[in-house]
C-alpha atoms as a PDB file:
ATOM      1  CA  MET A   1      29.304 218.314 228.410  1.00  0.00           C
ATOM      2  CA  ILE A   2      30.537 214.875 227.283  1.00  0.00           C
ATOM      3  CA  ASP A   3      33.360 213.427 229.391  1.00  0.00           C
ATOM      4  CA  ARG A   4      36.456 212.224 227.539  1.00  0.00           C
ATOM      5  CA  ASP A   5      37.999 208.831 228.302  1.00  0.00           C
ATOM      6  CA  PHE A   6      41.659 208.239 227.474  1.00  0.00           C
ATOM      7  CA  VAL A   7      41.846 204.789 229.119  1.00  0.00           C
ATOM      8  CA  GLY A   8      39.196 202.506 227.640  1.00  0.00           C
ATOM      9  CA  HIS A   9      39.847 198.785 228.023  1.00  0.00           C
ATOM     10  CA  ALA A  10      43.587 199.450 228.590  1.00  0.00           C
ATOM     11  CA  GLY A  11      45.400 196.110 228.905  1.00  0.00           C
ATOM     12  CA  THR A  12      42.364 194.022 229.793  1.00  0.00           C
ATOM     13  CA  VAL A  13      40.955 191.228 227.623  1.00  0.00           C
ATOM     14  CA  PRO A  14      37.144 191.423 227.756  1.00  0.00           C
ATOM     15  CA  LEU A  15      36.742 188.256 225.624  1.00  0.00           C
ATOM     16  CA  ASP A  16      39.271 185.562 224.710  1.00  0.00           C
ATOM     17  CA  ARG A  17      37.256 184.649 221.619  1.00  0.00           C
ATOM     18  CA  TRP A  18      33.927 185.639 220.160  1.00  0.00           C
ATOM     19  CA  PRO A  19      31.073 183.274 221.074  1.00  0.00           C
ATOM     20  CA  ASP A  20      31.120 181.779 217.551  1.00  0.00           C
ATOM     21  CA  GLY A  21      34.743 180.700 218.123  1.00  0.00           C
ATOM     22  CA  SER A  22      36.403 183.313 215.920  1.00  0.00           C
ATOM     23  CA  LEU A  23      39.304 185.499 216.988  1.00  0.00           C
ATOM     24  CA  VAL A  24      38.460 188.383 214.655  1.00  0.00           C
ATOM     25  CA  ALA A  25      34.918 189.492 213.862  1.00  0.00           C
ATOM     26  CA  VAL A  26      34.534 191.667 210.764  1.00  0.00           C
ATOM     27  CA  ASN A  27      31.458 193.868 210.481  1.00  0.00           C
ATOM     28  CA  VAL A  28      30.890 195.426 207.060  1.00  0.00           C
ATOM     29  CA  VAL A  29      28.585 198.448 207.291  1.00  0.00           C
ATOM     30  CA  VAL A  30      27.009 199.595 204.013  1.00  0.00           C
ATOM     31  CA  ASN A  31      25.903 203.224 204.305  1.00  0.00           C
ATOM     32  CA  VAL A  32      22.653 203.585 202.361  1.00  0.00           C
ATOM     33  CA  GLU A  33      22.325 207.355 201.960  1.00  0.00           C
ATOM     34  CA  GLU A  34      21.393 207.897 198.331  1.00  0.00           C
ATOM     35  CA  GLY A  35      18.140 209.823 198.159  1.00  0.00           C
ATOM     36  CA  ALA A  36      18.422 211.122 201.720  1.00  0.00           C
ATOM     37  CA  GLU A  37      21.116 213.697 200.941  1.00  0.00           C
ATOM     38  CA  ALA A  38      20.373 217.390 200.494  1.00  0.00           C
ATOM     39  CA  SER A  39      19.285 218.147 196.942  1.00  0.00           C
ATOM     40  CA  TRP A  40      17.938 221.103 195.036  1.00  0.00           C
ATOM     41  CA  ALA A  41      14.895 219.025 194.075  1.00  0.00           C
ATOM     42  CA  ASP A  42      14.033 218.714 197.786  1.00  0.00           C
ATOM     43  CA  ASP A  43      14.505 222.452 198.401  1.00  0.00           C
ATOM     44  CA  GLU A  44      17.582 221.686 200.522  1.00  0.00           C
ATOM     45  CA  GLY A  45      20.391 223.047 198.353  1.00  0.00           C
ATOM     46  CA  ASN A  46      23.149 220.761 197.067  1.00  0.00           C
ATOM     47  CA  ASP A  47      25.304 218.120 198.741  1.00  0.00           C
ATOM     48  CA  SER A  48      28.971 217.972 197.752  1.00  0.00           C
ATOM     49  CA  TRP A  49      29.676 214.377 198.849  1.00  0.00           C
ATOM     50  CA  GLY A  50      29.396 212.898 195.388  1.00  0.00           C
ATOM     51  CA  GLU A  51      32.247 211.899 193.091  1.00  0.00           C
ATOM     52  CA  TYR A  52      33.767 215.384 193.137  1.00  0.00           C
ATOM     53  CA  THR A  53      33.699 218.329 195.526  1.00  0.00           C
ATOM     54  CA  LEU A  54      33.362 221.425 193.353  1.00  0.00           C
ATOM     55  CA  PRO A  55      31.564 224.286 195.113  1.00  0.00           C
ATOM     56  CA  ILE A  56      28.188 224.771 193.419  1.00  0.00           C
ATOM     57  CA  ASP A  57      25.984 227.759 194.200  1.00  0.00           C
ATOM     58  CA  PRO A  58      22.962 226.396 196.140  1.00  0.00           C
ATOM     59  CA  ALA A  59      20.735 228.385 193.780  1.00  0.00           C
ATOM     60  CA  VAL A  60      21.977 226.226 190.871  1.00  0.00           C
ATOM     61  CA  ARG A  61      20.895 222.615 190.699  1.00  0.00           C
ATOM     62  CA  ASP A  62      23.915 220.256 190.830  1.00  0.00           C
ATOM     63  CA  LEU A  63      22.799 217.530 188.433  1.00  0.00           C
ATOM     64  CA  GLY A  64      26.269 215.999 188.348  1.00  0.00           C
ATOM     65  CA  THR A  65      26.360 215.178 192.046  1.00  0.00           C
ATOM     66  CA  GLU A  66      22.719 214.101 191.992  1.00  0.00           C
ATOM     67  CA  GLY A  67      23.675 211.621 189.274  1.00  0.00           C
ATOM     68  CA  HIS A  68      26.439 210.136 191.412  1.00  0.00           C
ATOM     69  CA  TYR A  69      23.978 209.518 194.232  1.00  0.00           C
ATOM     70  CA  GLU A  70      21.499 207.984 191.795  1.00  0.00           C
ATOM     71  CA  PHE A  71      24.216 205.622 190.542  1.00  0.00           C
ATOM     72  CA  GLY A  72      24.613 204.283 194.073  1.00  0.00           C
ATOM     73  CA  SER A  73      20.909 203.544 194.336  1.00  0.00           C
ATOM     74  CA  ARG A  74      20.372 202.300 190.766  1.00  0.00           C
ATOM     75  CA  VAL A  75      23.577 200.298 190.244  1.00  0.00           C
ATOM     76  CA  GLY A  76      26.050 200.347 193.127  1.00  0.00           C
ATOM     77  CA  ILE A  77      23.873 198.810 195.819  1.00  0.00           C
ATOM     78  CA  TRP A  78      22.998 195.862 193.588  1.00  0.00           C
ATOM     79  CA  ARG A  79      26.641 195.227 192.706  1.00  0.00           C
ATOM     80  CA  LEU A  80      27.452 195.056 196.407  1.00  0.00           C
ATOM     81  CA  VAL A  81      24.417 192.854 197.079  1.00  0.00           C
ATOM     82  CA  ARG A  82      25.615 190.374 194.450  1.00  0.00           C
ATOM     83  CA  LEU A  83      29.021 190.206 196.131  1.00  0.00           C
ATOM     84  CA  PHE A  84      27.522 189.665 199.590  1.00  0.00           C
ATOM     85  CA  GLU A  85      25.322 186.886 198.233  1.00  0.00           C
ATOM     86  CA  ARG A  86      28.208 185.307 196.334  1.00  0.00           C
ATOM     87  CA  PHE A  87      30.358 185.074 199.462  1.00  0.00           C
ATOM     88  CA  ASP A  88      27.438 184.438 201.841  1.00  0.00           C
ATOM     89  CA  ALA A  89      28.637 187.426 203.866  1.00  0.00           C
ATOM     90  CA  ALA A  90      26.701 188.772 206.829  1.00  0.00           C
ATOM     91  CA  VAL A  91      26.679 192.579 206.670  1.00  0.00           C
ATOM     92  CA  THR A  92      24.991 195.546 208.317  1.00  0.00           C
ATOM     93  CA  PHE A  93      23.100 198.121 206.290  1.00  0.00           C
ATOM     94  CA  GLY A  94      23.227 201.571 207.901  1.00  0.00           C
ATOM     95  CA  VAL A  95      20.088 203.035 206.395  1.00  0.00           C
ATOM     96  CA  CYS A  96      18.724 206.549 206.038  1.00  0.00           C
ATOM     97  CA  ALA A  97      14.969 206.026 206.013  1.00  0.00           C
ATOM     98  CA  ARG A  98      14.278 208.488 203.197  1.00  0.00           C
ATOM     99  CA  ALA A  99      16.789 206.674 200.985  1.00  0.00           C
ATOM    100  CA  LEU A 100      14.944 203.395 201.548  1.00  0.00           C
ATOM    101  CA  GLU A 101      11.575 205.009 200.862  1.00  0.00           C
ATOM    102  CA  ARG A 102      12.883 206.089 197.458  1.00  0.00           C
ATOM    103  CA  ASN A 103      14.236 202.683 196.480  1.00  0.00           C
ATOM    104  CA  PRO A 104      11.351 200.195 196.902  1.00  0.00           C
ATOM    105  CA  PRO A 105      13.138 197.276 195.138  1.00  0.00           C
ATOM    106  CA  PHE A 106      16.073 197.487 197.539  1.00  0.00           C
ATOM    107  CA  ALA A 107      13.717 197.952 200.496  1.00  0.00           C
ATOM    108  CA  ALA A 108      11.937 194.748 199.461  1.00  0.00           C
ATOM    109  CA  TRP A 109      15.247 192.883 199.118  1.00  0.00           C
ATOM    110  CA  LEU A 110      16.420 194.077 202.527  1.00  0.00           C
ATOM    111  CA  ARG A 111      13.093 193.139 204.113  1.00  0.00           C
ATOM    112  CA  ALA A 112      13.361 189.602 202.685  1.00  0.00           C
ATOM    113  CA  SER A 113      16.984 189.201 203.794  1.00  0.00           C
ATOM    114  CA  ASP A 114      18.312 188.355 207.249  1.00  0.00           C
ATOM    115  CA  HIS A 115      20.857 191.177 207.229  1.00  0.00           C
ATOM    116  CA  ASP A 116      21.208 193.645 210.067  1.00  0.00           C
ATOM    117  CA  VAL A 117      19.793 197.195 209.862  1.00  0.00           C
ATOM    118  CA  LEU A 118      21.354 200.162 211.651  1.00  0.00           C
ATOM    119  CA  GLY A 119      19.518 203.483 211.869  1.00  0.00           C
ATOM    120  CA  HIS A 120      21.341 206.308 210.057  1.00  0.00           C
ATOM    121  CA  GLY A 121      18.800 209.137 210.268  1.00  0.00           C
ATOM    122  CA  TYR A 122      15.734 209.966 208.242  1.00  0.00           C
ATOM    123  CA  ARG A 123      17.649 212.502 206.159  1.00  0.00           C
ATOM    124  CA  TRP A 124      21.403 212.290 205.634  1.00  0.00           C
ATOM    125  CA  ALA A 125      22.200 215.611 207.267  1.00  0.00           C
ATOM    126  CA  GLU A 126      24.677 217.059 209.731  1.00  0.00           C
ATOM    127  CA  VAL A 127      23.074 216.899 213.166  1.00  0.00           C
ATOM    128  CA  THR A 128      25.580 219.422 214.528  1.00  0.00           C
ATOM    129  CA  GLN A 129      23.781 222.005 212.384  1.00  0.00           C
ATOM    130  CA  MET A 130      20.361 221.117 213.809  1.00  0.00           C
ATOM    131  CA  THR A 131      18.607 222.276 216.947  1.00  0.00           C
ATOM    132  CA  GLU A 132      17.876 219.649 219.572  1.00  0.00           C
ATOM    133  CA  ASP A 133      14.222 219.543 218.527  1.00  0.00           C
ATOM    134  CA  GLU A 134      15.200 219.065 214.877  1.00  0.00           C
ATOM    135  CA  GLU A 135      17.624 216.251 215.697  1.00  0.00           C
ATOM    136  CA  ARG A 136      15.083 214.504 217.923  1.00  0.00           C
ATOM    137  CA  ALA A 137      12.419 214.827 215.234  1.00  0.00           C
ATOM    138  CA  ASP A 138      14.718 213.311 212.600  1.00  0.00           C
ATOM    139  CA  LEU A 139      15.579 210.382 214.887  1.00  0.00           C
ATOM    140  CA  ASP A 140      11.942 209.768 215.817  1.00  0.00           C
ATOM    141  CA  HIS A 141      10.830 209.972 212.177  1.00  0.00           C
ATOM    142  CA  ALA A 142      13.457 207.446 211.100  1.00  0.00           C
ATOM    143  CA  MET A 143      12.595 205.093 213.946  1.00  0.00           C
ATOM    144  CA  ARG A 144       8.933 205.152 212.954  1.00  0.00           C
ATOM    145  CA  VAL A 145       9.624 204.514 209.271  1.00  0.00           C
ATOM    146  CA  LEU A 146      12.547 202.076 209.253  1.00  0.00           C
ATOM    147  CA  PRO A 147      10.986 199.144 211.165  1.00  0.00           C
ATOM    148  CA  GLU A 148       7.964 199.311 208.880  1.00  0.00           C
ATOM    149  CA  LEU A 149      10.154 199.274 205.776  1.00  0.00           C
ATOM    150  CA  VAL A 150      12.473 196.454 206.868  1.00  0.00           C
ATOM    151  CA  GLY A 151       9.973 194.388 208.848  1.00  0.00           C
ATOM    152  CA  ARG A 152      12.045 194.061 212.019  1.00  0.00           C
ATOM    153  CA  PRO A 153      13.276 196.147 214.963  1.00  0.00           C
ATOM    154  CA  VAL A 154      16.135 198.600 214.560  1.00  0.00           C
ATOM    155  CA  ARG A 155      18.322 198.614 217.672  1.00  0.00           C
ATOM    156  CA  GLY A 156      21.379 200.716 216.734  1.00  0.00           C
ATOM    157  CA  TRP A 157      21.937 204.344 215.689  1.00  0.00           C
ATOM    158  CA  TYR A 158      24.606 206.538 214.109  1.00  0.00           C
ATOM    159  CA  VAL A 159      24.580 209.857 212.282  1.00  0.00           C
ATOM    160  CA  ARG A 160      26.317 211.534 209.361  1.00  0.00           C
ATOM    161  CA  SER A 161      29.952 212.551 209.886  1.00  0.00           C
ATOM    162  CA  PHE A 162      30.057 213.249 213.609  1.00  0.00           C
ATOM    163  CA  PRO A 163      27.466 213.362 216.419  1.00  0.00           C
ATOM    164  CA  SER A 164      26.373 216.408 218.327  1.00  0.00           C
ATOM    165  CA  GLN A 165      26.825 216.633 222.098  1.00  0.00           C
ATOM    166  CA  ARG A 166      23.186 215.544 222.481  1.00  0.00           C
ATOM    167  CA  THR A 167      23.105 212.651 219.961  1.00  0.00           C
ATOM    168  CA  ARG A 168      23.876 209.860 222.428  1.00  0.00           C
ATOM    169  CA  ARG A 169      21.410 211.226 224.983  1.00  0.00           C
ATOM    170  CA  LEU A 170      18.658 211.355 222.358  1.00  0.00           C
ATOM    171  CA  ALA A 171      19.422 207.839 221.123  1.00  0.00           C
ATOM    172  CA  ALA A 172      19.534 206.416 224.649  1.00  0.00           C
ATOM    173  CA  ALA A 173      16.163 207.999 225.417  1.00  0.00           C
ATOM    174  CA  HIS A 174      14.474 206.172 222.548  1.00  0.00           C
ATOM    175  CA  PRO A 175      12.809 202.990 223.859  1.00  0.00           C
ATOM    176  CA  ASP A 176      13.741 200.851 220.830  1.00  0.00           C
ATOM    177  CA  LEU A 177      17.444 201.673 220.649  1.00  0.00           C
ATOM    178  CA  ALA A 178      20.091 199.692 222.534  1.00  0.00           C
ATOM    179  CA  TYR A 179      23.412 201.102 221.307  1.00  0.00           C
ATOM    180  CA  ASP A 180      25.034 203.805 219.192  1.00  0.00           C
ATOM    181  CA  SER A 181      27.900 203.617 216.704  1.00  0.00           C
ATOM    182  CA  ASP A 182      29.034 207.231 216.456  1.00  0.00           C
ATOM    183  CA  ALA A 183      32.266 206.774 218.417  1.00  0.00           C
ATOM    184  CA  VAL A 184      35.578 206.265 216.635  1.00  0.00           C
ATOM    185  CA  ASN A 185      37.717 206.096 219.793  1.00  0.00           C
ATOM    186  CA  ASP A 186      37.998 202.308 220.089  1.00  0.00           C
ATOM    187  CA  GLU A 187      37.683 199.075 218.135  1.00  0.00           C
ATOM    188  CA  LEU A 188      35.801 197.030 220.723  1.00  0.00           C
ATOM    189  CA  PRO A 189      32.400 197.819 222.242  1.00  0.00           C
ATOM    190  CA  TYR A 190      32.254 199.506 225.628  1.00  0.00           C
ATOM    191  CA  ARG A 191      29.704 200.938 228.043  1.00  0.00           C
ATOM    192  CA  VAL A 192      29.090 204.481 229.190  1.00  0.00           C
ATOM    193  CA  GLU A 193      26.560 206.029 231.519  1.00  0.00           C
ATOM    194  CA  VAL A 194      23.756 208.118 230.036  1.00  0.00           C
ATOM    195  CA  ASP A 195      21.318 209.780 232.408  1.00  0.00           C
ATOM    196  CA  GLY A 196      22.282 207.346 235.151  1.00  0.00           C
ATOM    197  CA  ARG A 197      21.862 204.191 233.034  1.00  0.00           C
ATOM    198  CA  PRO A 198      24.450 201.987 231.277  1.00  0.00           C
ATOM    199  CA  TRP A 199      24.538 202.430 227.517  1.00  0.00           C
ATOM    200  CA  LEU A 200      26.392 200.353 224.952  1.00  0.00           C
ATOM    201  CA  VAL A 201      28.687 201.852 222.318  1.00  0.00           C
ATOM    202  CA  VAL A 202      29.817 199.789 219.311  1.00  0.00           C
ATOM    203  CA  PRO A 203      32.456 201.992 217.639  1.00  0.00           C
ATOM    204  CA  TYR A 204      32.566 202.764 213.926  1.00  0.00           C
ATOM    205  CA  SER A 205      35.644 203.446 211.772  1.00  0.00           C
ATOM    206  CA  LYS A 206      36.482 206.424 209.592  1.00  0.00           C
ATOM    207  CA  VAL A 207      39.785 204.734 208.665  1.00  0.00           C
ATOM    208  CA  HIS A 208      38.737 201.327 207.315  1.00  0.00           C
ATOM    209  CA  ASN A 209      36.294 203.141 205.102  1.00  0.00           C
ATOM    210  CA  ASP A 210      35.921 203.850 201.391  1.00  0.00           C
ATOM    211  CA  THR A 211      35.712 207.595 202.108  1.00  0.00           C
ATOM    212  CA  ARG A 212      39.498 207.278 201.969  1.00  0.00           C
ATOM    213  CA  TYR A 213      39.235 207.279 198.197  1.00  0.00           C
ATOM    214  CA  PHE A 214      38.616 211.026 198.628  1.00  0.00           C
ATOM    215  CA  LEU A 215      40.165 211.989 201.977  1.00  0.00           C
ATOM    216  CA  PRO A 216      43.970 212.028 202.353  1.00  0.00           C
ATOM    217  CA  PRO A 217      45.810 209.773 202.612  1.00  0.00           C
ATOM    218  CA  THR A 218      43.898 208.410 199.636  1.00  0.00           C
ATOM    219  CA  TYR A 219      43.927 205.021 197.931  1.00  0.00           C
ATOM    220  CA  ALA A 220      45.537 205.351 194.509  1.00  0.00           C
ATOM    221  CA  THR A 221      43.796 202.160 193.389  1.00  0.00           C
ATOM    222  CA  PRO A 222      41.144 199.831 194.864  1.00  0.00           C
ATOM    223  CA  ARG A 223      43.960 197.323 195.377  1.00  0.00           C
ATOM    224  CA  HIS A 224      45.276 199.588 198.131  1.00  0.00           C
ATOM    225  CA  PHE A 225      41.895 199.524 199.916  1.00  0.00           C
ATOM    226  CA  ALA A 226      41.780 195.723 199.779  1.00  0.00           C
ATOM    227  CA  GLU A 227      45.365 195.479 201.007  1.00  0.00           C
ATOM    228  CA  SER A 228      44.574 197.889 203.840  1.00  0.00           C
ATOM    229  CA  LEU A 229      41.629 195.770 205.026  1.00  0.00           C
ATOM    230  CA  ILE A 230      43.497 192.474 204.667  1.00  0.00           C
ATOM    231  CA  GLY A 231      46.459 193.929 206.542  1.00  0.00           C
ATOM    232  CA  ALA A 232      44.197 195.137 209.351  1.00  0.00           C
ATOM    233  CA  VAL A 233      42.614 191.700 209.824  1.00  0.00           C
ATOM    234  CA  ASP A 234      46.018 190.023 209.630  1.00  0.00           C
ATOM    235  CA  LEU A 235      47.362 192.287 212.388  1.00  0.00           C
ATOM    236  CA  LEU A 236      44.275 191.742 214.556  1.00  0.00           C
ATOM    237  CA  LEU A 237      44.635 187.974 214.136  1.00  0.00           C
ATOM    238  CA  ASP A 238      48.271 188.200 215.192  1.00  0.00           C
ATOM    239  CA  GLU A 239      47.323 190.244 218.260  1.00  0.00           C
ATOM    240  CA  ALA A 240      44.574 187.801 219.220  1.00  0.00           C
ATOM    241  CA  ARG A 241      46.886 184.789 218.860  1.00  0.00           C
ATOM    242  CA  HIS A 242      49.357 186.480 221.196  1.00  0.00           C
ATOM    243  CA  GLY A 243      46.915 187.100 224.020  1.00  0.00           C
ATOM    244  CA  ALA A 244      45.050 190.300 223.139  1.00  0.00           C
ATOM    245  CA  GLY A 245      41.716 188.469 222.994  1.00  0.00           C
ATOM    246  CA  ALA A 246      38.834 188.796 220.555  1.00  0.00           C
ATOM    247  CA  ARG A 247      39.224 191.633 218.050  1.00  0.00           C
ATOM    248  CA  LEU A 248      36.698 193.550 215.929  1.00  0.00           C
ATOM    249  CA  LEU A 249      37.161 195.296 212.571  1.00  0.00           C
ATOM    250  CA  THR A 250      34.495 197.641 211.231  1.00  0.00           C
ATOM    251  CA  VAL A 251      34.532 198.337 207.470  1.00  0.00           C
ATOM    252  CA  GLY A 252      32.510 201.240 206.036  1.00  0.00           C
ATOM    253  CA  LEU A 253      31.239 201.114 202.432  1.00  0.00           C
ATOM    254  CA  HIS A 254      29.010 203.361 200.310  1.00  0.00           C
ATOM    255  CA  PRO A 255      27.119 202.178 197.200  1.00  0.00           C
ATOM    256  CA  ARG A 256      27.907 205.331 195.195  1.00  0.00           C
ATOM    257  CA  TRP A 257      31.636 204.758 195.752  1.00  0.00           C
ATOM    258  CA  SER A 258      32.377 201.071 196.353  1.00  0.00           C
ATOM    259  CA  GLY A 259      29.553 200.136 193.992  1.00  0.00           C
ATOM    260  CA  GLN A 260      31.584 201.476 191.066  1.00  0.00           C
ATOM    261  CA  ALA A 261      32.950 198.541 189.036  1.00  0.00           C
ATOM    262  CA  SER A 262      36.614 199.330 189.645  1.00  0.00           C
ATOM    263  CA  ARG A 263      36.230 199.912 193.372  1.00  0.00           C
ATOM    264  CA  ALA A 264      34.023 196.865 193.868  1.00  0.00           C
ATOM    265  CA  VAL A 265      37.146 194.843 193.067  1.00  0.00           C
ATOM    266  CA  ALA A 266      38.452 195.809 196.521  1.00  0.00           C
ATOM    267  CA  VAL A 267      35.280 194.516 198.180  1.00  0.00           C
ATOM    268  CA  ARG A 268      35.405 191.302 196.141  1.00  0.00           C
ATOM    269  CA  ASP A 269      39.055 190.623 196.914  1.00  0.00           C
ATOM    270  CA  PHE A 270      38.672 191.352 200.619  1.00  0.00           C
ATOM    271  CA  LEU A 271      35.612 189.105 200.971  1.00  0.00           C
ATOM    272  CA  ALA A 272      37.321 186.348 198.979  1.00  0.00           C
ATOM    273  CA  TRP A 273      40.254 186.446 201.390  1.00  0.00           C
ATOM    274  CA  ALA A 274      38.364 186.967 204.653  1.00  0.00           C
ATOM    275  CA  THR A 275      35.864 184.156 204.052  1.00  0.00           C
ATOM    276  CA  THR A 276      38.716 181.639 203.733  1.00  0.00           C
ATOM    277  CA  GLN A 277      40.274 182.511 207.103  1.00  0.00           C
ATOM    278  CA  PRO A 278      39.191 179.924 209.704  1.00  0.00           C
ATOM    279  CA  GLU A 279      39.524 182.287 212.677  1.00  0.00           C
ATOM    280  CA  VAL A 280      37.692 185.198 211.017  1.00  0.00           C
ATOM    281  CA  SER A 281      33.913 185.616 210.879  1.00  0.00           C
ATOM    282  CA  LEU A 282      31.746 188.180 209.117  1.00  0.00           C
ATOM    283  CA  VAL A 283      29.042 189.264 211.543  1.00  0.00           C
ATOM    284  CA  HIS A 284      26.118 191.622 211.964  1.00  0.00           C
ATOM    285  CA  ARG A 285      26.580 194.640 214.207  1.00  0.00           C
ATOM    286  CA  ARG A 286      23.586 193.732 216.325  1.00  0.00           C
ATOM    287  CA  GLN A 287      25.181 190.324 216.843  1.00  0.00           C
ATOM    288  CA  VAL A 288      28.279 192.022 218.261  1.00  0.00           C
ATOM    289  CA  ALA A 289      26.106 194.160 220.546  1.00  0.00           C
ATOM    290  CA  ASP A 290      24.149 191.124 221.750  1.00  0.00           C
ATOM    291  CA  TRP A 291      27.341 189.145 222.403  1.00  0.00           C
ATOM    292  CA  TRP A 292      28.806 192.003 224.421  1.00  0.00           C
ATOM    293  CA  GLU A 293      25.691 192.357 226.546  1.00  0.00           C
ATOM    294  CA  GLU A 294      25.565 188.618 227.218  1.00  0.00           C
ATOM    295  CA  TYR A 295      29.218 187.667 227.647  1.00  0.00           C
ATOM    296  CA  VAL A 296      31.027 190.766 228.899  1.00  0.00           C
ATOM    297  CA  PRO A 297      30.186 191.787 232.467  1.00  0.00           C
ATOM    298  CA  GLU A 298      29.190 195.399 232.888  1.00  0.00           C
ATOM    299  CA  ARG A 299      32.303 196.239 234.872  1.00  0.00           C
ATOM    300  CA  SER A 300      34.491 195.018 231.973  1.00  0.00           C
ATOM    301  CA  GLY A 301      33.375 197.510 229.391  1.00  0.00           C
END
């Protein structure tokens, strides 16, 4: 059973500023899932997380939703890449290994880049519906494939939707992993104990996330998403300037959604604003984890 913690950092200030001098660190996480989702072509049924959520009989191939996923891989990811390059933005790519296997041009681009890679499973599947052996096998498979595809170690892990009660234990048992990002109960990193050893958690966000185009309360236009992100950073800056210490904002994007031309406007406008703020930095997730390990004593989080 996983213990619940309703206290967290409370009123403490683990860091006055981030080691790079910024007050607010922004970590954009691009969820690369297209090709790893369940599909009729892979004998796995259909996956409804496309552009619409009509119930389709698993015995009938859902070509419409498959097409939305293909758009993310064929078009959306490259539109986002162009924006990141234009604004020289450091981002994290949360990658399902099977998705990367099926998109060699993007795999080659990611390998040649210096961007961060976060493990997101081999398949994009709900681990709460797996047995422990199945979840462990998926994690191990991804952790064998991903480093080979991207040419560097993968140190962080998170799963689709929500973790199972065993996810953190399985991640902590893997010798190459150093932290997980399944939690949504904080903004700053913190430590927990797993099997008698300290383990780092770098929380994710389901709120500052483009899934909100589909989940209520929804964004009526991409302008609302951009305003939401800008408002969040502005509030975090205000808190930091008034003694709350270094703040972290995680932003979740998906190529099949934010890679659409209209919605990419929100990403463009947010990056254009954030990169002009002198006390804001765009950072890799592994960078945040490394900073926390080095600069925040274990007793402080």
